[in-house]
Amino acid sequence: GKKKKFEIFGKNFPTKDGTAVRDYIHVTDLAKAHVLSLKKLLKSPQSEFINLGTNKGYSVLEIINKTEEITGEKVLYTESPRRKGDVPVLLASKEKAEKILGWKLHHSNIETIIETAWNWHKKCA
């Protein structure tokens, strides 16, 4: 079901606002990388581990603020203790995917990601 409030796990990370920083990627960019990976595997069965990301991170509070700005709605949230194992910053490099797969980001700026998710949410509501 839907949560009434978003949960922030930890506000004591060594980041600019104390919340965890993560890398966000648009679902269509992710899907394109998967298609390119399958095409590569059909040509050569040799597989590799490849991270998919933007090399850019946003804190949880930055995402909340940007979401409020784009949607015009207040994001209700609660603050919970930091979870064991959560790291302050987690980013994924795109260079290997670009080199091996010829993959490029097209939609992975944070505004487009949030707008797309918001439009999908409104259609499903």
N, C-alpha and C. Protein backbone atom coordinates (compact mmCIF):
# COMPACT_ATOMS: atom_id res chain seq x y z
N GLY A 1 0.80 -1.18 0.00
CA GLY A 1 0.00 0.00 0.00
C GLY A 1 0.85 1.25 0.00
N LYS A 2 0.20 2.36 -0.03
CA LYS A 2 0.88 3.65 -0.04
C LYS A 2 1.17 4.10 1.38
N LYS A 3 2.34 4.65 1.57
CA LYS A 3 2.71 5.19 2.87
C LYS A 3 2.19 6.62 2.96
N LYS A 4 1.77 6.99 4.16
CA LYS A 4 1.29 8.35 4.37
C LYS A 4 2.45 9.34 4.50
N LYS A 5 3.61 8.82 4.96
CA LYS A 5 4.79 9.67 5.12
C LYS A 5 6.02 8.94 4.60
N PHE A 6 6.91 9.70 4.02
CA PHE A 6 8.20 9.21 3.58
C PHE A 6 9.09 9.09 4.82
N GLU A 7 9.96 8.10 4.83
CA GLU A 7 10.81 7.89 6.00
C GLU A 7 12.26 8.19 5.65
N ILE A 8 12.85 9.10 6.40
CA ILE A 8 14.27 9.41 6.25
C ILE A 8 15.02 8.63 7.32
N PHE A 9 15.91 7.76 6.87
CA PHE A 9 16.70 6.95 7.81
C PHE A 9 18.04 7.63 8.05
N GLY A 10 18.11 8.39 9.11
CA GLY A 10 19.35 9.03 9.51
C GLY A 10 19.49 10.46 9.00
N LYS A 11 19.78 11.35 9.93
CA LYS A 11 20.10 12.73 9.57
C LYS A 11 21.44 13.12 10.19
N ASN A 12 22.29 12.09 10.39
CA ASN A 12 23.58 12.33 11.01
C ASN A 12 24.74 11.82 10.14
N PHE A 13 24.51 11.78 8.84
CA PHE A 13 25.58 11.39 7.92
C PHE A 13 26.53 12.57 7.72
N PRO A 14 27.78 12.31 7.41
CA PRO A 14 28.72 13.41 7.14
C PRO A 14 28.52 13.96 5.72
N THR A 15 27.31 14.49 5.48
CA THR A 15 26.97 15.10 4.19
C THR A 15 26.50 16.53 4.47
N LYS A 16 26.27 17.31 3.42
CA LYS A 16 25.96 18.73 3.63
C LYS A 16 24.70 18.99 4.45
N ASP A 17 23.71 18.08 4.36
CA ASP A 17 22.49 18.28 5.16
C ASP A 17 22.22 17.14 6.14
N GLY A 18 23.18 16.22 6.25
CA GLY A 18 23.06 15.13 7.21
C GLY A 18 22.32 13.90 6.71
N THR A 19 21.72 13.99 5.50
CA THR A 19 21.00 12.84 4.96
C THR A 19 21.86 12.13 3.91
N ALA A 20 21.55 10.88 3.68
CA ALA A 20 22.32 10.06 2.75
C ALA A 20 22.24 10.62 1.33
N VAL A 21 23.31 10.46 0.59
CA VAL A 21 23.39 10.89 -0.81
C VAL A 21 23.38 9.66 -1.69
N ARG A 22 22.52 9.67 -2.70
CA ARG A 22 22.41 8.55 -3.62
C ARG A 22 22.38 9.03 -5.06
N ASP A 23 22.70 8.13 -5.96
CA ASP A 23 22.71 8.36 -7.40
C ASP A 23 21.35 7.91 -7.95
N TYR A 24 20.72 8.74 -8.74
CA TYR A 24 19.41 8.41 -9.31
C TYR A 24 19.51 8.36 -10.82
N ILE A 25 18.84 7.37 -11.42
CA ILE A 25 18.87 7.18 -12.87
C ILE A 25 17.45 7.00 -13.37
N HIS A 26 17.17 7.57 -14.53
CA HIS A 26 15.83 7.46 -15.12
C HIS A 26 15.60 6.04 -15.61
N VAL A 27 14.39 5.56 -15.44
CA VAL A 27 14.05 4.18 -15.80
C VAL A 27 14.30 3.90 -17.29
N THR A 28 14.09 4.88 -18.16
CA THR A 28 14.32 4.62 -19.59
C THR A 28 15.81 4.51 -19.90
N ASP A 29 16.64 5.28 -19.21
CA ASP A 29 18.09 5.12 -19.39
C ASP A 29 18.54 3.76 -18.89
N LEU A 30 17.98 3.32 -17.79
CA LEU A 30 18.29 1.99 -17.25
C LEU A 30 17.87 0.90 -18.22
N ALA A 31 16.66 1.03 -18.76
CA ALA A 31 16.15 0.02 -19.71
C ALA A 31 17.01 -0.03 -20.97
N LYS A 32 17.43 1.12 -21.47
CA LYS A 32 18.28 1.14 -22.67
C LYS A 32 19.61 0.43 -22.40
N ALA A 33 20.16 0.62 -21.22
CA ALA A 33 21.41 -0.07 -20.87
C ALA A 33 21.21 -1.58 -20.83
N HIS A 34 20.07 -2.02 -20.35
CA HIS A 34 19.78 -3.46 -20.31
C HIS A 34 19.66 -4.03 -21.72
N VAL A 35 19.01 -3.31 -22.61
CA VAL A 35 18.89 -3.76 -24.01
C VAL A 35 20.27 -3.83 -24.65
N LEU A 36 21.09 -2.81 -24.46
CA LEU A 36 22.44 -2.83 -25.01
C LEU A 36 23.25 -4.00 -24.44
N SER A 37 23.06 -4.30 -23.17
CA SER A 37 23.76 -5.43 -22.54
C SER A 37 23.35 -6.75 -23.17
N LEU A 38 22.06 -6.92 -23.40
CA LEU A 38 21.58 -8.15 -24.04
C LEU A 38 22.13 -8.29 -25.46
N LYS A 39 22.16 -7.19 -26.20
CA LYS A 39 22.71 -7.23 -27.56
C LYS A 39 24.18 -7.62 -27.52
N LYS A 40 24.92 -7.10 -26.55
CA LYS A 40 26.34 -7.45 -26.42
C LYS A 40 26.50 -8.93 -26.08
N LEU A 41 25.67 -9.45 -25.20
CA LEU A 41 25.75 -10.86 -24.84
C LEU A 41 25.42 -11.78 -26.00
N LEU A 42 24.54 -11.34 -26.89
CA LEU A 42 24.22 -12.15 -28.07
C LEU A 42 25.41 -12.24 -29.02
N LYS A 43 26.23 -11.21 -29.04
CA LYS A 43 27.43 -11.21 -29.90
C LYS A 43 28.58 -11.97 -29.26
N SER A 44 28.68 -11.87 -27.94
CA SER A 44 29.78 -12.51 -27.22
C SER A 44 29.28 -12.94 -25.85
N PRO A 45 29.44 -14.21 -25.50
CA PRO A 45 28.94 -14.69 -24.21
C PRO A 45 29.75 -14.22 -23.00
N GLN A 46 30.85 -13.51 -23.24
CA GLN A 46 31.65 -13.02 -22.12
C GLN A 46 30.87 -11.92 -21.40
N SER A 47 30.71 -12.09 -20.10
CA SER A 47 29.94 -11.11 -19.34
C SER A 47 30.86 -10.29 -18.44
N GLU A 48 30.36 -9.14 -18.03
CA GLU A 48 31.09 -8.25 -17.14
C GLU A 48 30.11 -7.60 -16.17
N PHE A 49 30.64 -7.15 -15.06
CA PHE A 49 29.85 -6.35 -14.13
C PHE A 49 29.97 -4.90 -14.57
N ILE A 50 28.83 -4.24 -14.73
CA ILE A 50 28.84 -2.84 -15.13
C ILE A 50 27.84 -2.08 -14.26
N ASN A 51 28.33 -1.05 -13.60
CA ASN A 51 27.45 -0.18 -12.83
C ASN A 51 26.74 0.78 -13.77
N LEU A 52 25.53 1.15 -13.40
CA LEU A 52 24.78 2.13 -14.18
C LEU A 52 24.40 3.27 -13.25
N GLY A 53 24.86 4.43 -13.57
CA GLY A 53 24.56 5.60 -12.75
C GLY A 53 24.90 6.87 -13.49
N THR A 54 24.83 7.96 -12.77
CA THR A 54 25.06 9.27 -13.37
C THR A 54 26.33 9.94 -12.86
N ASN A 55 26.98 9.33 -11.89
CA ASN A 55 28.14 9.93 -11.21
C ASN A 55 27.76 11.16 -10.40
N LYS A 56 26.47 11.40 -10.21
CA LYS A 56 26.02 12.59 -9.48
C LYS A 56 25.05 12.15 -8.38
N GLY A 57 25.25 12.70 -7.22
CA GLY A 57 24.39 12.31 -6.11
C GLY A 57 23.54 13.45 -5.59
N TYR A 58 22.42 13.07 -5.01
CA TYR A 58 21.50 14.01 -4.36
C TYR A 58 21.17 13.46 -2.98
N SER A 59 21.10 14.35 -2.02
CA SER A 59 20.73 13.92 -0.67
C SER A 59 19.23 13.66 -0.62
N VAL A 60 18.83 12.93 0.39
CA VAL A 60 17.41 12.64 0.58
C VAL A 60 16.62 13.95 0.70
N LEU A 61 17.14 14.90 1.46
CA LEU A 61 16.43 16.18 1.60
C LEU A 61 16.40 16.97 0.30
N GLU A 62 17.45 16.88 -0.51
CA GLU A 62 17.43 17.55 -1.82
C GLU A 62 16.33 16.96 -2.70
N ILE A 63 16.17 15.65 -2.64
CA ILE A 63 15.11 15.00 -3.43
C ILE A 63 13.74 15.43 -2.93
N ILE A 64 13.56 15.48 -1.64
CA ILE A 64 12.28 15.93 -1.08
C ILE A 64 11.99 17.36 -1.52
N ASN A 65 12.96 18.25 -1.38
CA ASN A 65 12.76 19.65 -1.76
C ASN A 65 12.47 19.81 -3.25
N LYS A 66 13.19 19.09 -4.08
CA LYS A 66 12.98 19.17 -5.53
C LYS A 66 11.61 18.59 -5.89
N THR A 67 11.20 17.54 -5.21
CA THR A 67 9.88 16.94 -5.45
C THR A 67 8.78 17.94 -5.10
N GLU A 68 8.93 18.61 -3.98
CA GLU A 68 7.94 19.62 -3.60
C GLU A 68 7.88 20.75 -4.61
N GLU A 69 9.04 21.16 -5.10
CA GLU A 69 9.11 22.23 -6.10
C GLU A 69 8.41 21.83 -7.40
N ILE A 70 8.65 20.62 -7.86
CA ILE A 70 8.09 20.16 -9.13
C ILE A 70 6.60 19.86 -9.03
N THR A 71 6.20 19.22 -7.94
CA THR A 71 4.80 18.79 -7.82
C THR A 71 3.88 19.84 -7.22
N GLY A 72 4.48 20.78 -6.51
CA GLY A 72 3.66 21.77 -5.82
C GLY A 72 2.98 21.21 -4.59
N GLU A 73 3.39 20.03 -4.18
CA GLU A 73 2.79 19.39 -3.00
C GLU A 73 3.85 19.18 -1.92
N LYS A 74 3.40 19.24 -0.69
CA LYS A 74 4.29 19.02 0.45
C LYS A 74 4.54 17.52 0.60
N VAL A 75 5.80 17.15 0.79
CA VAL A 75 6.16 15.76 1.05
C VAL A 75 6.25 15.59 2.56
N LEU A 76 5.34 14.81 3.11
CA LEU A 76 5.36 14.53 4.54
C LEU A 76 6.41 13.46 4.82
N TYR A 77 7.21 13.68 5.84
CA TYR A 77 8.22 12.68 6.17
C TYR A 77 8.45 12.62 7.66
N THR A 78 8.98 11.47 8.06
CA THR A 78 9.39 11.27 9.44
C THR A 78 10.88 10.97 9.44
N GLU A 79 11.50 11.22 10.56
CA GLU A 79 12.92 10.93 10.71
C GLU A 79 13.08 9.71 11.60
N SER A 80 13.81 8.73 11.09
CA SER A 80 14.07 7.50 11.84
C SER A 80 15.58 7.34 12.01
N PRO A 81 15.98 6.49 12.95
CA PRO A 81 17.42 6.28 13.14
C PRO A 81 18.07 5.72 11.88
N ARG A 82 19.31 6.02 11.76
CA ARG A 82 20.14 5.51 10.67
C ARG A 82 20.15 3.99 10.72
N ARG A 83 20.07 3.36 9.55
CA ARG A 83 20.08 1.89 9.50
C ARG A 83 21.51 1.37 9.47
N LYS A 84 21.72 0.25 10.09
CA LYS A 84 23.03 -0.39 10.09
C LYS A 84 23.42 -0.70 8.65
N GLY A 85 24.63 -0.33 8.28
CA GLY A 85 25.13 -0.64 6.94
C GLY A 85 24.92 0.46 5.92
N ASP A 86 24.07 1.44 6.21
CA ASP A 86 23.87 2.54 5.26
C ASP A 86 25.14 3.40 5.20
N VAL A 87 25.61 3.64 4.00
CA VAL A 87 26.79 4.48 3.81
C VAL A 87 26.35 5.91 3.52
N PRO A 88 27.19 6.89 3.82
CA PRO A 88 26.80 8.28 3.60
C PRO A 88 26.55 8.62 2.13
N VAL A 89 27.43 8.16 1.25
CA VAL A 89 27.34 8.51 -0.17
C VAL A 89 27.50 7.25 -1.00
N LEU A 90 26.61 7.07 -1.97
CA LEU A 90 26.69 5.92 -2.86
C LEU A 90 26.39 6.39 -4.29
N LEU A 91 27.43 6.37 -5.12
CA LEU A 91 27.31 6.81 -6.50
C LEU A 91 27.78 5.69 -7.43
N ALA A 92 27.25 5.68 -8.63
CA ALA A 92 27.66 4.70 -9.63
C ALA A 92 28.29 5.42 -10.82
N SER A 93 29.38 4.86 -11.30
CA SER A 93 30.07 5.43 -12.45
C SER A 93 29.40 4.99 -13.74
N LYS A 94 29.40 5.84 -14.73
CA LYS A 94 28.81 5.51 -16.03
C LYS A 94 29.87 5.20 -17.08
N GLU A 95 31.14 5.42 -16.77
CA GLU A 95 32.19 5.33 -17.78
C GLU A 95 32.32 3.95 -18.42
N LYS A 96 32.26 2.90 -17.62
CA LYS A 96 32.42 1.55 -18.16
C LYS A 96 31.26 1.20 -19.10
N ALA A 97 30.05 1.59 -18.74
CA ALA A 97 28.89 1.34 -19.60
C ALA A 97 29.00 2.13 -20.90
N GLU A 98 29.51 3.34 -20.82
CA GLU A 98 29.70 4.14 -22.03
C GLU A 98 30.73 3.48 -22.95
N LYS A 99 31.82 3.03 -22.36
CA LYS A 99 32.92 2.45 -23.15
C LYS A 99 32.54 1.09 -23.75
N ILE A 100 31.98 0.21 -22.95
CA ILE A 100 31.72 -1.16 -23.40
C ILE A 100 30.42 -1.28 -24.19
N LEU A 101 29.39 -0.57 -23.76
CA LEU A 101 28.07 -0.71 -24.39
C LEU A 101 27.72 0.41 -25.36
N GLY A 102 28.47 1.51 -25.30
CA GLY A 102 28.10 2.67 -26.09
C GLY A 102 26.87 3.38 -25.52
N TRP A 103 26.65 3.20 -24.24
CA TRP A 103 25.47 3.73 -23.55
C TRP A 103 25.65 5.19 -23.20
N LYS A 104 24.59 5.96 -23.35
CA LYS A 104 24.59 7.37 -22.99
C LYS A 104 23.34 7.69 -22.17
N LEU A 105 23.48 8.58 -21.24
CA LEU A 105 22.34 9.08 -20.48
C LEU A 105 21.56 10.08 -21.33
N HIS A 106 20.24 9.97 -21.32
CA HIS A 106 19.41 10.91 -22.07
C HIS A 106 18.38 11.61 -21.19
N HIS A 107 17.93 10.96 -20.14
CA HIS A 107 16.82 11.49 -19.34
C HIS A 107 17.13 11.57 -17.85
N SER A 108 18.37 11.42 -17.47
CA SER A 108 18.68 11.26 -16.06
C SER A 108 19.08 12.53 -15.33
N ASN A 109 18.48 13.66 -15.70
CA ASN A 109 18.63 14.81 -14.80
C ASN A 109 17.52 14.67 -13.75
N ILE A 110 17.76 15.17 -12.59
CA ILE A 110 16.86 14.88 -11.47
C ILE A 110 15.46 15.43 -11.70
N GLU A 111 15.35 16.56 -12.39
CA GLU A 111 14.03 17.13 -12.66
C GLU A 111 13.20 16.19 -13.54
N THR A 112 13.80 15.65 -14.58
CA THR A 112 13.09 14.73 -15.48
C THR A 112 12.70 13.45 -14.75
N ILE A 113 13.59 12.94 -13.92
CA ILE A 113 13.28 11.73 -13.16
C ILE A 113 12.06 11.95 -12.27
N ILE A 114 12.05 13.05 -11.54
CA ILE A 114 10.93 13.32 -10.64
C ILE A 114 9.66 13.61 -11.42
N GLU A 115 9.75 14.40 -12.49
CA GLU A 115 8.56 14.69 -13.30
C GLU A 115 7.95 13.42 -13.87
N THR A 116 8.78 12.53 -14.39
CA THR A 116 8.29 11.27 -14.94
C THR A 116 7.61 10.43 -13.87
N ALA A 117 8.25 10.31 -12.72
CA ALA A 117 7.67 9.53 -11.62
C ALA A 117 6.36 10.15 -11.15
N TRP A 118 6.30 11.47 -11.09
CA TRP A 118 5.08 12.16 -10.64
C TRP A 118 3.95 11.95 -11.65
N ASN A 119 4.25 12.07 -12.93
CA ASN A 119 3.22 11.85 -13.95
C ASN A 119 2.69 10.42 -13.91
N TRP A 120 3.58 9.44 -13.72
CA TRP A 120 3.16 8.05 -13.60
C TRP A 120 2.28 7.87 -12.36
N HIS A 121 2.69 8.47 -11.26
CA HIS A 121 1.93 8.37 -10.01
C HIS A 121 0.52 8.93 -10.19
N LYS A 122 0.41 10.07 -10.86
CA LYS A 122 -0.92 10.68 -11.06
C LYS A 122 -1.81 9.79 -11.94
N LYS A 123 -1.22 9.13 -12.93
CA LYS A 123 -2.01 8.23 -13.79
C LYS A 123 -2.50 7.02 -13.03
N CYS A 124 -1.71 6.55 -12.08
CA CYS A 124 -2.05 5.34 -11.33
C CYS A 124 -2.91 5.62 -10.11
N ALA A 125 -3.02 6.86 -9.72
CA ALA A 125 -3.77 7.20 -8.49
C ALA A 125 -5.26 7.09 -8.69
